[in-house]
Amino acid sequence: DIDGVVASQTSTIQSAYVAESGATLLEYATGDELIAAL
């Protein structure tokens, strides 16, 4: 689900895009943490 809970790195263009998409954004400090969250 790309419209559900989506992880992205804090303060990036990717996290801003997710926030504007209507999905639930989870922000993490590093890329490795994104994979762990998935």
ModelCIF file with pLDDT and N, C-alpha, C, O atoms, coordinates in Angstrom:
data_MODEL
#
_entry.id   MODEL 
#
_entity.id                         1 
_entity.type                       polymer 
_entity.pdbx_number_of_molecules   1 
#
_entity_poly.entity_id                      1 
_entity_poly.type                           'polypeptide(L)' 
_entity_poly.nstd_linkage                   no 
_entity_poly.nstd_monomer                   no 
_entity_poly.pdbx_seq_one_letter_code       DIDGVVASQTSTIQSAYVAESGATLLEYATGDELIAAL 
_entity_poly.pdbx_seq_one_letter_code_can   DIDGVVASQTSTIQSAYVAESGATLLEYATGDELIAAL 
_entity_poly.pdbx_strand_id                 A 
#
loop_
_entity_poly_seq.entity_id 
_entity_poly_seq.num 
_entity_poly_seq.mon_id 
_entity_poly_seq.hetero 
1 1  ASP n 
1 2  ILE n 
1 3  ASP n 
1 4  GLY n 
1 5  VAL n 
1 6  VAL n 
1 7  ALA n 
1 8  SER n 
1 9  GLN n 
1 10 THR n 
1 11 SER n 
1 12 THR n 
1 13 ILE n 
1 14 GLN n 
1 15 SER n 
1 16 ALA n 
1 17 TYR n 
1 18 VAL n 
1 19 ALA n 
1 20 GLU n 
1 21 SER n 
1 22 GLY n 
1 23 ALA n 
1 24 THR n 
1 25 LEU n 
1 26 LEU n 
1 27 GLU n 
1 28 TYR n 
1 29 ALA n 
1 30 THR n 
1 31 GLY n 
1 32 ASP n 
1 33 GLU n 
1 34 LEU n 
1 35 ILE n 
1 36 ALA n 
1 37 ALA n 
1 38 LEU n 
#
_struct_asym.id          A 
_struct_asym.entity_id   1 
#
loop_
_ma_qa_metric.id 
_ma_qa_metric.mode 
_ma_qa_metric.name 
_ma_qa_metric.software_group_id 
_ma_qa_metric.type 
1 global pLDDT . pLDDT 
2 local  pLDDT . pLDDT 
#
_ma_qa_metric_global.metric_id      1 
_ma_qa_metric_global.metric_value   95.71 
_ma_qa_metric_global.model_id       1 
_ma_qa_metric_global.ordinal_id     1 
#
loop_
_ma_qa_metric_local.label_asym_id 
_ma_qa_metric_local.label_comp_id 
_ma_qa_metric_local.label_seq_id 
_ma_qa_metric_local.metric_id 
_ma_qa_metric_local.metric_value 
_ma_qa_metric_local.model_id 
_ma_qa_metric_local.ordinal_id 
A ASP 1  2 98.00 1 1  
A ILE 2  2 98.00 1 2  
A ASP 3  2 97.00 1 3  
A GLY 4  2 98.00 1 4  
A VAL 5  2 98.00 1 5  
A VAL 6  2 98.00 1 6  
A ALA 7  2 98.00 1 7  
A SER 8  2 98.00 1 8  
A GLN 9  2 95.00 1 9  
A THR 10 2 93.00 1 10 
A SER 11 2 88.00 1 11 
A THR 12 2 92.00 1 12 
A ILE 13 2 93.00 1 13 
A GLN 14 2 95.00 1 14 
A SER 15 2 96.00 1 15 
A ALA 16 2 94.00 1 16 
A TYR 17 2 96.00 1 17 
A VAL 18 2 97.00 1 18 
A ALA 19 2 96.00 1 19 
A GLU 20 2 96.00 1 20 
A SER 21 2 96.00 1 21 
A GLY 22 2 94.00 1 22 
A ALA 23 2 98.00 1 23 
A THR 24 2 98.00 1 24 
A LEU 25 2 98.00 1 25 
A LEU 26 2 98.00 1 26 
A GLU 27 2 97.00 1 27 
A TYR 28 2 96.00 1 28 
A ALA 29 2 92.00 1 29 
A THR 30 2 91.00 1 30 
A GLY 31 2 90.00 1 31 
A ASP 32 2 92.00 1 32 
A GLU 33 2 96.00 1 33 
A LEU 34 2 97.00 1 34 
A ILE 35 2 97.00 1 35 
A ALA 36 2 97.00 1 36 
A ALA 37 2 98.00 1 37 
A LEU 38 2 98.00 1 38 
#
loop_
_atom_site.group_PDB 
_atom_site.id 
_atom_site.type_symbol 
_atom_site.label_atom_id 
_atom_site.label_alt_id 
_atom_site.label_comp_id 
_atom_site.label_asym_id 
_atom_site.label_entity_id 
_atom_site.label_seq_id 
_atom_site.pdbx_PDB_ins_code 
_atom_site.Cartn_x 
_atom_site.Cartn_y 
_atom_site.Cartn_z 
_atom_site.occupancy 
_atom_site.B_iso_or_equiv 
_atom_site.pdbx_formal_charge 
_atom_site.auth_seq_id 
_atom_site.auth_comp_id 
_atom_site.auth_asym_id 
_atom_site.auth_atom_id 
_atom_site.pdbx_PDB_model_num 
ATOM 1   N N  . ASP A 1 1  ? 0.835  -1.204 0.000  1.00 98.00 ? 1  ASP A N  1 
ATOM 2   C CA . ASP A 1 1  ? 0.000  0.000  0.000  1.00 98.00 ? 1  ASP A CA 1 
ATOM 3   C C  . ASP A 1 1  ? 0.872  1.258  0.000  1.00 98.00 ? 1  ASP A C  1 
ATOM 4   O O  . ASP A 1 1  ? 1.594  1.518  0.963  1.00 98.00 ? 1  ASP A O  1 
ATOM 5   N N  . ILE A 1 2  ? 0.803  2.029  -1.075 1.00 98.00 ? 2  ILE A N  1 
ATOM 6   C CA . ILE A 1 2  ? 1.546  3.291  -1.137 1.00 98.00 ? 2  ILE A CA 1 
ATOM 7   C C  . ILE A 1 2  ? 0.662  4.463  -0.707 1.00 98.00 ? 2  ILE A C  1 
ATOM 8   O O  . ILE A 1 2  ? 1.107  5.611  -0.701 1.00 98.00 ? 2  ILE A O  1 
ATOM 9   N N  . ASP A 1 3  ? -0.567 4.178  -0.355 1.00 97.00 ? 3  ASP A N  1 
ATOM 10  C CA . ASP A 1 3  ? -1.472 5.213  0.162  1.00 97.00 ? 3  ASP A CA 1 
ATOM 11  C C  . ASP A 1 3  ? -1.760 5.022  1.645  1.00 97.00 ? 3  ASP A C  1 
ATOM 12  O O  . ASP A 1 3  ? -2.552 5.759  2.231  1.00 97.00 ? 3  ASP A O  1 
ATOM 13  N N  . GLY A 1 4  ? -1.109 4.027  2.250  1.00 98.00 ? 4  GLY A N  1 
ATOM 14  C CA . GLY A 1 4  ? -1.312 3.749  3.674  1.00 98.00 ? 4  GLY A CA 1 
ATOM 15  C C  . GLY A 1 4  ? -0.258 4.435  4.522  1.00 98.00 ? 4  GLY A C  1 
ATOM 16  O O  . GLY A 1 4  ? -0.163 5.663  4.523  1.00 98.00 ? 4  GLY A O  1 
ATOM 17  N N  . VAL A 1 5  ? 0.541  3.649  5.249  1.00 98.00 ? 5  VAL A N  1 
ATOM 18  C CA . VAL A 1 5  ? 1.620  4.172  6.084  1.00 98.00 ? 5  VAL A CA 1 
ATOM 19  C C  . VAL A 1 5  ? 2.919  4.070  5.291  1.00 98.00 ? 5  VAL A C  1 
ATOM 20  O O  . VAL A 1 5  ? 3.379  2.975  4.966  1.00 98.00 ? 5  VAL A O  1 
ATOM 21  N N  . VAL A 1 6  ? 3.493  5.210  4.989  1.00 98.00 ? 6  VAL A N  1 
ATOM 22  C CA . VAL A 1 6  ? 4.673  5.269  4.119  1.00 98.00 ? 6  VAL A CA 1 
ATOM 23  C C  . VAL A 1 6  ? 5.839  5.889  4.874  1.00 98.00 ? 6  VAL A C  1 
ATOM 24  O O  . VAL A 1 6  ? 5.706  6.966  5.455  1.00 98.00 ? 6  VAL A O  1 
ATOM 25  N N  . ALA A 1 7  ? 6.975  5.213  4.865  1.00 98.00 ? 7  ALA A N  1 
ATOM 26  C CA . ALA A 1 7  ? 8.177  5.710  5.535  1.00 98.00 ? 7  ALA A CA 1 
ATOM 27  C C  . ALA A 1 7  ? 9.046  6.491  4.560  1.00 98.00 ? 7  ALA A C  1 
ATOM 28  O O  . ALA A 1 7  ? 9.200  6.107  3.401  1.00 98.00 ? 7  ALA A O  1 
ATOM 29  N N  . SER A 1 8  ? 9.614  7.601  5.049  1.00 98.00 ? 8  SER A N  1 
ATOM 30  C CA . SER A 1 8  ? 10.560 8.385  4.262  1.00 98.00 ? 8  SER A CA 1 
ATOM 31  C C  . SER A 1 8  ? 11.499 9.104  5.210  1.00 98.00 ? 8  SER A C  1 
ATOM 32  O O  . SER A 1 8  ? 11.231 9.196  6.408  1.00 98.00 ? 8  SER A O  1 
ATOM 33  N N  . GLN A 1 9  ? 12.606 9.618  4.672  1.00 95.00 ? 9  GLN A N  1 
ATOM 34  C CA . GLN A 1 9  ? 13.565 10.294 5.533  1.00 95.00 ? 9  GLN A CA 1 
ATOM 35  C C  . GLN A 1 9  ? 13.091 11.693 5.892  1.00 95.00 ? 9  GLN A C  1 
ATOM 36  O O  . GLN A 1 9  ? 12.489 12.391 5.076  1.00 95.00 ? 9  GLN A O  1 
ATOM 37  N N  . THR A 1 10 ? 13.373 12.084 7.117  1.00 93.00 ? 10 THR A N  1 
ATOM 38  C CA . THR A 1 10 ? 12.973 13.385 7.639  1.00 93.00 ? 10 THR A CA 1 
ATOM 39  C C  . THR A 1 10 ? 13.487 14.530 6.767  1.00 93.00 ? 10 THR A C  1 
ATOM 40  O O  . THR A 1 10 ? 14.640 14.526 6.335  1.00 93.00 ? 10 THR A O  1 
ATOM 41  N N  . SER A 1 11 ? 12.623 15.499 6.518  1.00 88.00 ? 11 SER A N  1 
ATOM 42  C CA . SER A 1 11 ? 12.992 16.754 5.855  1.00 88.00 ? 11 SER A CA 1 
ATOM 43  C C  . SER A 1 11 ? 13.558 16.556 4.460  1.00 88.00 ? 11 SER A C  1 
ATOM 44  O O  . SER A 1 11 ? 14.543 17.195 4.092  1.00 88.00 ? 11 SER A O  1 
ATOM 45  N N  . THR A 1 12 ? 12.946 15.679 3.685  1.00 92.00 ? 12 THR A N  1 
ATOM 46  C CA . THR A 1 12 ? 13.361 15.463 2.299  1.00 92.00 ? 12 THR A CA 1 
ATOM 47  C C  . THR A 1 12 ? 12.209 15.792 1.356  1.00 92.00 ? 12 THR A C  1 
ATOM 48  O O  . THR A 1 12 ? 11.061 15.927 1.778  1.00 92.00 ? 12 THR A O  1 
ATOM 49  N N  . ILE A 1 13 ? 12.537 15.917 0.074  1.00 93.00 ? 13 ILE A N  1 
ATOM 50  C CA . ILE A 1 13 ? 11.480 16.123 -0.908 1.00 93.00 ? 13 ILE A CA 1 
ATOM 51  C C  . ILE A 1 13 ? 10.551 14.922 -0.963 1.00 93.00 ? 13 ILE A C  1 
ATOM 52  O O  . ILE A 1 13 ? 9.374  15.049 -1.301 1.00 93.00 ? 13 ILE A O  1 
ATOM 53  N N  . GLN A 1 14 ? 11.089 13.751 -0.627 1.00 95.00 ? 14 GLN A N  1 
ATOM 54  C CA . GLN A 1 14 ? 10.254 12.552 -0.610 1.00 95.00 ? 14 GLN A CA 1 
ATOM 55  C C  . GLN A 1 14 ? 9.230  12.591 0.528  1.00 95.00 ? 14 GLN A C  1 
ATOM 56  O O  . GLN A 1 14 ? 8.062  12.261 0.326  1.00 95.00 ? 14 GLN A O  1 
ATOM 57  N N  . SER A 1 15 ? 9.670  12.995 1.718  1.00 96.00 ? 15 SER A N  1 
ATOM 58  C CA . SER A 1 15 ? 8.724  13.052 2.838  1.00 96.00 ? 15 SER A CA 1 
ATOM 59  C C  . SER A 1 15 ? 7.672  14.126 2.608  1.00 96.00 ? 15 SER A C  1 
ATOM 60  O O  . SER A 1 15 ? 6.514  13.943 2.984  1.00 96.00 ? 15 SER A O  1 
ATOM 61  N N  . ALA A 1 16 ? 8.055  15.241 1.999  1.00 94.00 ? 16 ALA A N  1 
ATOM 62  C CA . ALA A 1 16 ? 7.081  16.288 1.683  1.00 94.00 ? 16 ALA A CA 1 
ATOM 63  C C  . ALA A 1 16 ? 6.044  15.772 0.682  1.00 94.00 ? 16 ALA A C  1 
ATOM 64  O O  . ALA A 1 16 ? 4.856  16.076 0.794  1.00 94.00 ? 16 ALA A O  1 
ATOM 65  N N  . TYR A 1 17 ? 6.504  14.993 -0.291 1.00 96.00 ? 17 TYR A N  1 
ATOM 66  C CA . TYR A 1 17 ? 5.593  14.425 -1.287 1.00 96.00 ? 17 TYR A CA 1 
ATOM 67  C C  . TYR A 1 17 ? 4.595  13.479 -0.635 1.00 96.00 ? 17 TYR A C  1 
ATOM 68  O O  . TYR A 1 17 ? 3.402  13.527 -0.933 1.00 96.00 ? 17 TYR A O  1 
ATOM 69  N N  . VAL A 1 18 ? 5.083  12.618 0.256  1.00 97.00 ? 18 VAL A N  1 
ATOM 70  C CA . VAL A 1 18 ? 4.191  11.669 0.950  1.00 97.00 ? 18 VAL A CA 1 
ATOM 71  C C  . VAL A 1 18 ? 3.156  12.427 1.773  1.00 97.00 ? 18 VAL A C  1 
ATOM 72  O O  . VAL A 1 18 ? 1.973  12.087 1.752  1.00 97.00 ? 18 VAL A O  1 
ATOM 73  N N  . ALA A 1 19 ? 3.598  13.451 2.496  1.00 96.00 ? 19 ALA A N  1 
ATOM 74  C CA . ALA A 1 19 ? 2.680  14.225 3.335  1.00 96.00 ? 19 ALA A CA 1 
ATOM 75  C C  . ALA A 1 19 ? 1.573  14.862 2.514  1.00 96.00 ? 19 ALA A C  1 
ATOM 76  O O  . ALA A 1 19 ? 0.427  14.941 2.955  1.00 96.00 ? 19 ALA A O  1 
ATOM 77  N N  . GLU A 1 20 ? 1.924  15.319 1.311  1.00 96.00 ? 20 GLU A N  1 
ATOM 78  C CA . GLU A 1 20 ? 0.928  15.966 0.454  1.00 96.00 ? 20 GLU A CA 1 
ATOM 79  C C  . GLU A 1 20 ? 0.053  14.957 -0.281 1.00 96.00 ? 20 GLU A C  1 
ATOM 80  O O  . GLU A 1 20 ? -0.997 15.318 -0.813 1.00 96.00 ? 20 GLU A O  1 
ATOM 81  N N  . SER A 1 21 ? 0.479  13.690 -0.313 1.00 96.00 ? 21 SER A N  1 
ATOM 82  C CA . SER A 1 21 ? -0.271 12.688 -1.074 1.00 96.00 ? 21 SER A CA 1 
ATOM 83  C C  . SER A 1 21 ? -1.502 12.179 -0.348 1.00 96.00 ? 21 SER A C  1 
ATOM 84  O O  . SER A 1 21 ? -2.373 11.559 -0.957 1.00 96.00 ? 21 SER A O  1 
ATOM 85  N N  . GLY A 1 22 ? -1.578 12.439 0.956  1.00 94.00 ? 22 GLY A N  1 
ATOM 86  C CA . GLY A 1 22 ? -2.701 11.936 1.748  1.00 94.00 ? 22 GLY A CA 1 
ATOM 87  C C  . GLY A 1 22 ? -2.392 10.665 2.490  1.00 94.00 ? 22 GLY A C  1 
ATOM 88  O O  . GLY A 1 22 ? -3.187 10.223 3.320  1.00 94.00 ? 22 GLY A O  1 
ATOM 89  N N  . ALA A 1 23 ? -1.226 10.051 2.204  1.00 98.00 ? 23 ALA A N  1 
ATOM 90  C CA . ALA A 1 23 ? -0.805 8.865  2.952  1.00 98.00 ? 23 ALA A CA 1 
ATOM 91  C C  . ALA A 1 23 ? -0.353 9.283  4.355  1.00 98.00 ? 23 ALA A C  1 
ATOM 92  O O  . ALA A 1 23 ? -0.118 10.463 4.616  1.00 98.00 ? 23 ALA A O  1 
ATOM 93  N N  . THR A 1 24 ? -0.238 8.307  5.244  1.00 98.00 ? 24 THR A N  1 
ATOM 94  C CA . THR A 1 24 ? 0.286  8.559  6.587  1.00 98.00 ? 24 THR A CA 1 
ATOM 95  C C  . THR A 1 24 ? 1.802  8.484  6.540  1.00 98.00 ? 24 THR A C  1 
ATOM 96  O O  . THR A 1 24 ? 2.365  7.437  6.219  1.00 98.00 ? 24 THR A O  1 
ATOM 97  N N  . LEU A 1 25 ? 2.462  9.584  6.858  1.00 98.00 ? 25 LEU A N  1 
ATOM 98  C CA . LEU A 1 25 ? 3.914  9.676  6.760  1.00 98.00 ? 25 LEU A CA 1 
ATOM 99  C C  . LEU A 1 25 ? 4.573  9.261  8.081  1.00 98.00 ? 25 LEU A C  1 
ATOM 100 O O  . LEU A 1 25 ? 4.210  9.754  9.150  1.00 98.00 ? 25 LEU A O  1 
ATOM 101 N N  . LEU A 1 26 ? 5.548  8.347  7.989  1.00 98.00 ? 26 LEU A N  1 
ATOM 102 C CA . LEU A 1 26 ? 6.448  8.043  9.101  1.00 98.00 ? 26 LEU A CA 1 
ATOM 103 C C  . LEU A 1 26 ? 7.833  8.523  8.698  1.00 98.00 ? 26 LEU A C  1 
ATOM 104 O O  . LEU A 1 26 ? 8.364  8.085  7.678  1.00 98.00 ? 26 LEU A O  1 
ATOM 105 N N  . GLU A 1 27 ? 8.431  9.424  9.491  1.00 97.00 ? 27 GLU A N  1 
ATOM 106 C CA . GLU A 1 27 ? 9.738  9.974  9.161  1.00 97.00 ? 27 GLU A CA 1 
ATOM 107 C C  . GLU A 1 27 ? 10.829 9.357  10.036 1.00 97.00 ? 27 GLU A C  1 
ATOM 108 O O  . GLU A 1 27 ? 10.649 9.150  11.236 1.00 97.00 ? 27 GLU A O  1 
ATOM 109 N N  . TYR A 1 28 ? 11.960 9.072  9.400  1.00 96.00 ? 28 TYR A N  1 
ATOM 110 C CA . TYR A 1 28 ? 13.109 8.504  10.101 1.00 96.00 ? 28 TYR A CA 1 
ATOM 111 C C  . TYR A 1 28 ? 14.356 9.294  9.723  1.00 96.00 ? 28 TYR A C  1 
ATOM 112 O O  . TYR A 1 28 ? 14.403 9.943  8.679  1.00 96.00 ? 28 TYR A O  1 
ATOM 113 N N  . ALA A 1 29 ? 15.368 9.227  10.593 1.00 92.00 ? 29 ALA A N  1 
ATOM 114 C CA . ALA A 1 29 ? 16.567 10.048 10.414 1.00 92.00 ? 29 ALA A CA 1 
ATOM 115 C C  . ALA A 1 29 ? 17.477 9.525  9.307  1.00 92.00 ? 29 ALA A C  1 
ATOM 116 O O  . ALA A 1 29 ? 18.171 10.317 8.669  1.00 92.00 ? 29 ALA A O  1 
ATOM 117 N N  . THR A 1 30 ? 17.494 8.213  9.060  1.00 91.00 ? 30 THR A N  1 
ATOM 118 C CA . THR A 1 30 ? 18.420 7.645  8.088  1.00 91.00 ? 30 THR A CA 1 
ATOM 119 C C  . THR A 1 30 ? 17.710 6.681  7.148  1.00 91.00 ? 30 THR A C  1 
ATOM 120 O O  . THR A 1 30 ? 16.618 6.192  7.438  1.00 91.00 ? 30 THR A O  1 
ATOM 121 N N  . GLY A 1 31 ? 18.354 6.420  6.015  1.00 90.00 ? 31 GLY A N  1 
ATOM 122 C CA . GLY A 1 31 ? 17.806 5.481  5.058  1.00 90.00 ? 31 GLY A CA 1 
ATOM 123 C C  . GLY A 1 31 ? 17.705 4.073  5.604  1.00 90.00 ? 31 GLY A C  1 
ATOM 124 O O  . GLY A 1 31 ? 16.749 3.357  5.307  1.00 90.00 ? 31 GLY A O  1 
ATOM 125 N N  . ASP A 1 32 ? 18.688 3.665  6.406  1.00 92.00 ? 32 ASP A N  1 
ATOM 126 C CA . ASP A 1 32 ? 18.662 2.314  6.970  1.00 92.00 ? 32 ASP A CA 1 
ATOM 127 C C  . ASP A 1 32 ? 17.433 2.099  7.853  1.00 92.00 ? 32 ASP A C  1 
ATOM 128 O O  . ASP A 1 32 ? 16.882 0.999  7.897  1.00 92.00 ? 32 ASP A O  1 
ATOM 129 N N  . GLU A 1 33 ? 17.010 3.140  8.549  1.00 96.00 ? 33 GLU A N  1 
ATOM 130 C CA . GLU A 1 33 ? 15.829 3.023  9.412  1.00 96.00 ? 33 GLU A CA 1 
ATOM 131 C C  . GLU A 1 33 ? 14.558 2.823  8.598  1.00 96.00 ? 33 GLU A C  1 
ATOM 132 O O  . GLU A 1 33 ? 13.602 2.220  9.084  1.00 96.00 ? 33 GLU A O  1 
ATOM 133 N N  . LEU A 1 34 ? 14.537 3.319  7.374  1.00 97.00 ? 34 LEU A N  1 
ATOM 134 C CA . LEU A 1 34 ? 13.364 3.117  6.507  1.00 97.00 ? 34 LEU A CA 1 
ATOM 135 C C  . LEU A 1 34 ? 13.181 1.632  6.212  1.00 97.00 ? 34 LEU A C  1 
ATOM 136 O O  . LEU A 1 34 ? 12.065 1.114  6.257  1.00 97.00 ? 34 LEU A O  1 
ATOM 137 N N  . ILE A 1 35 ? 14.280 0.956  5.910  1.00 97.00 ? 35 ILE A N  1 
ATOM 138 C CA . ILE A 1 35 ? 14.208 -0.470 5.582  1.00 97.00 ? 35 ILE A CA 1 
ATOM 139 C C  . ILE A 1 35 ? 13.793 -1.273 6.812  1.00 97.00 ? 35 ILE A C  1 
ATOM 140 O O  . ILE A 1 35 ? 13.022 -2.227 6.709  1.00 97.00 ? 35 ILE A O  1 
ATOM 141 N N  . ALA A 1 36 ? 14.309 -0.882 7.973  1.00 97.00 ? 36 ALA A N  1 
ATOM 142 C CA . ALA A 1 36 ? 13.934 -1.562 9.215  1.00 97.00 ? 36 ALA A CA 1 
ATOM 143 C C  . ALA A 1 36 ? 12.443 -1.395 9.503  1.00 97.00 ? 36 ALA A C  1 
ATOM 144 O O  . ALA A 1 36 ? 11.788 -2.333 9.956  1.00 97.00 ? 36 ALA A O  1 
ATOM 145 N N  . ALA A 1 37 ? 11.905 -0.198 9.242  1.00 98.00 ? 37 ALA A N  1 
ATOM 146 C CA . ALA A 1 37 ? 10.479 0.054  9.467  1.00 98.00 ? 37 ALA A CA 1 
ATOM 147 C C  . ALA A 1 37 ? 9.620  -0.768 8.519  1.00 98.00 ? 37 ALA A C  1 
ATOM 148 O O  . ALA A 1 37 ? 8.555  -1.255 8.901  1.00 98.00 ? 37 ALA A O  1 
ATOM 149 N N  . LEU A 1 38 ? 10.077 -0.920 7.295  1.00 98.00 ? 38 LEU A N  1 
ATOM 150 C CA . LEU A 1 38 ? 9.342  -1.741 6.326  1.00 98.00 ? 38 LEU A CA 1 
ATOM 151 C C  . LEU A 1 38 ? 9.323  -3.199 6.769  1.00 98.00 ? 38 LEU A C  1 
ATOM 152 O O  . LEU A 1 38 ? 8.750  -4.045 6.083  1.00 98.00 ? 38 LEU A O  1 
#
